[in-house]
Protein backbone atom coordinates (compact mmCIF):
# COMPACT_ATOMS: atom_id res chain seq x y z
CA MET A 1 -17.03 31.45 -89.22
CA ILE A 2 -15.78 32.11 -92.75
CA LYS A 3 -17.69 34.17 -95.32
CA GLY A 4 -17.03 34.25 -99.02
CA PHE A 5 -18.80 36.58 -101.42
CA LYS A 6 -18.45 38.17 -104.83
CA MET A 7 -18.98 41.69 -106.14
CA LYS A 8 -18.36 43.40 -109.48
CA LEU A 9 -16.25 46.40 -110.51
CA TYR A 10 -17.03 48.75 -113.35
CA GLU A 11 -14.62 48.55 -116.26
CA GLY A 12 -11.46 50.60 -115.81
CA GLN A 13 -11.84 50.93 -112.02
CA GLU A 14 -9.35 48.27 -110.92
CA LYS A 15 -6.59 50.66 -109.85
CA GLU A 16 -9.02 53.05 -108.16
CA TYR A 17 -10.60 50.22 -106.17
CA GLU A 18 -7.21 49.03 -104.98
CA TYR A 19 -6.11 52.59 -104.18
CA ARG A 20 -9.20 53.30 -102.07
CA HIS A 21 -8.77 50.10 -100.11
CA ASN A 22 -5.08 50.79 -99.53
CA GLN A 23 -6.23 54.10 -97.99
CA LEU A 24 -8.99 52.43 -95.92
CA TRP A 25 -10.22 54.87 -93.30
CA PRO A 26 -9.23 54.04 -89.70
CA GLU A 27 -12.89 54.35 -88.66
CA MET A 28 -13.82 51.72 -91.24
CA LYS A 29 -11.11 49.35 -90.00
CA ASP A 30 -12.38 49.87 -86.45
CA MET A 31 -15.96 49.13 -87.49
CA ILE A 32 -14.97 45.90 -89.22
CA HIS A 33 -13.18 44.72 -86.08
CA GLU A 34 -15.92 45.97 -83.73
CA TYR A 35 -18.53 43.93 -85.60
CA GLY A 36 -16.45 40.76 -85.50
CA GLY A 37 -14.53 40.81 -88.79
CA LYS A 38 -10.88 39.81 -89.17
CA ASN A 39 -8.54 38.42 -91.81
CA TYR A 40 -10.45 40.29 -94.52
CA THR A 41 -9.09 39.76 -98.02
CA ILE A 42 -10.45 40.76 -101.43
CA PHE A 43 -9.22 39.24 -104.69
CA LEU A 44 -9.86 40.50 -108.24
CA ASP A 45 -10.44 38.39 -111.35
CA LYS A 46 -9.10 40.82 -113.96
CA GLU A 47 -10.81 39.03 -116.84
CA THR A 48 -14.33 39.40 -115.43
CA LEU A 49 -13.82 42.29 -112.97
CA THR A 50 -15.34 40.04 -110.31
CA LEU A 51 -14.16 40.67 -106.77
CA PHE A 52 -13.98 37.74 -104.37
CA GLY A 53 -14.13 38.60 -100.69
CA TYR A 54 -13.01 36.38 -97.82
CA ILE A 55 -13.57 37.36 -94.20
CA GLU A 56 -13.60 35.57 -90.89
CA ILE A 57 -16.46 36.73 -88.66
CA GLU A 58 -17.42 35.97 -85.08
CA ASP A 59 -21.16 35.80 -85.67
CA GLU A 60 -23.39 36.40 -88.71
CA GLU A 61 -25.94 38.55 -86.83
CA LYS A 62 -23.24 40.71 -85.26
CA TRP A 63 -21.59 41.15 -88.67
CA LYS A 64 -24.85 42.18 -90.36
CA LYS A 65 -25.34 44.97 -87.78
CA GLY A 66 -22.18 46.66 -89.07
CA ALA A 67 -24.01 47.45 -92.32
CA ASP A 68 -26.26 49.87 -90.41
CA THR A 69 -23.42 52.02 -89.10
CA ALA A 70 -22.89 55.57 -90.35
CA ILE A 71 -19.27 54.85 -91.33
CA ASN A 72 -20.29 51.83 -93.39
CA ARG A 73 -22.98 53.79 -95.24
CA LYS A 74 -20.41 56.54 -95.88
CA TRP A 75 -18.03 53.92 -97.33
CA TRP A 76 -20.78 52.54 -99.58
CA ASP A 77 -21.47 56.04 -100.89
CA TYR A 78 -17.73 56.56 -101.51
CA MET A 79 -17.45 53.31 -103.49
CA ALA A 80 -20.70 53.54 -105.48
CA ASP A 81 -19.15 55.21 -108.51
CA ILE A 82 -16.72 52.38 -109.23
CA MET A 83 -18.73 49.19 -108.65
CA GLU A 84 -22.16 47.65 -109.03
CA THR A 85 -24.44 48.79 -106.21
CA ASN A 86 -28.00 48.49 -104.99
CA PRO A 87 -30.31 51.55 -104.72
CA ASP A 88 -28.99 52.25 -101.18
CA ASN A 89 -25.39 52.21 -102.54
CA SER A 90 -24.60 48.90 -100.83
CA PRO A 91 -22.48 46.75 -103.13
CA VAL A 92 -24.28 44.09 -105.10
CA ALA A 93 -22.81 41.14 -103.21
CA VAL A 94 -23.57 37.48 -103.65
CA ASP A 95 -22.70 35.09 -100.83
CA LEU A 96 -20.76 32.03 -101.95
CA ASP A 97 -21.24 28.56 -100.53
CA MET A 98 -18.16 26.99 -99.01
CA VAL A 99 -17.44 23.65 -100.63
CA PHE A 100 -14.02 22.93 -99.13
CA HIS A 101 -11.86 24.17 -96.26
CA LEU A 102 -8.54 22.94 -94.91
CA ASP A 103 -6.84 24.33 -91.80
């Protein structure tokens, strides 16, 4: 299953966002894989500071359970100062509807 979603950076945080993801904690990588995520890619629209995420997941319910892990909550807290977040520090993320796919 493929998921697409968008998020939003705060102005001036482009380099910091990229830096933090290039230093992604091993425990976070493990959690993503443990909860069925692979081929995870994030793109940035520099004009709007909109992030577009693409990830392949095994199962939607399994993937959602990863949000409740301690390492994921720690990551949210770490990222909250550079992007739009909800009151629990989860990123404001909007799922996108797939309109075309070609293998």
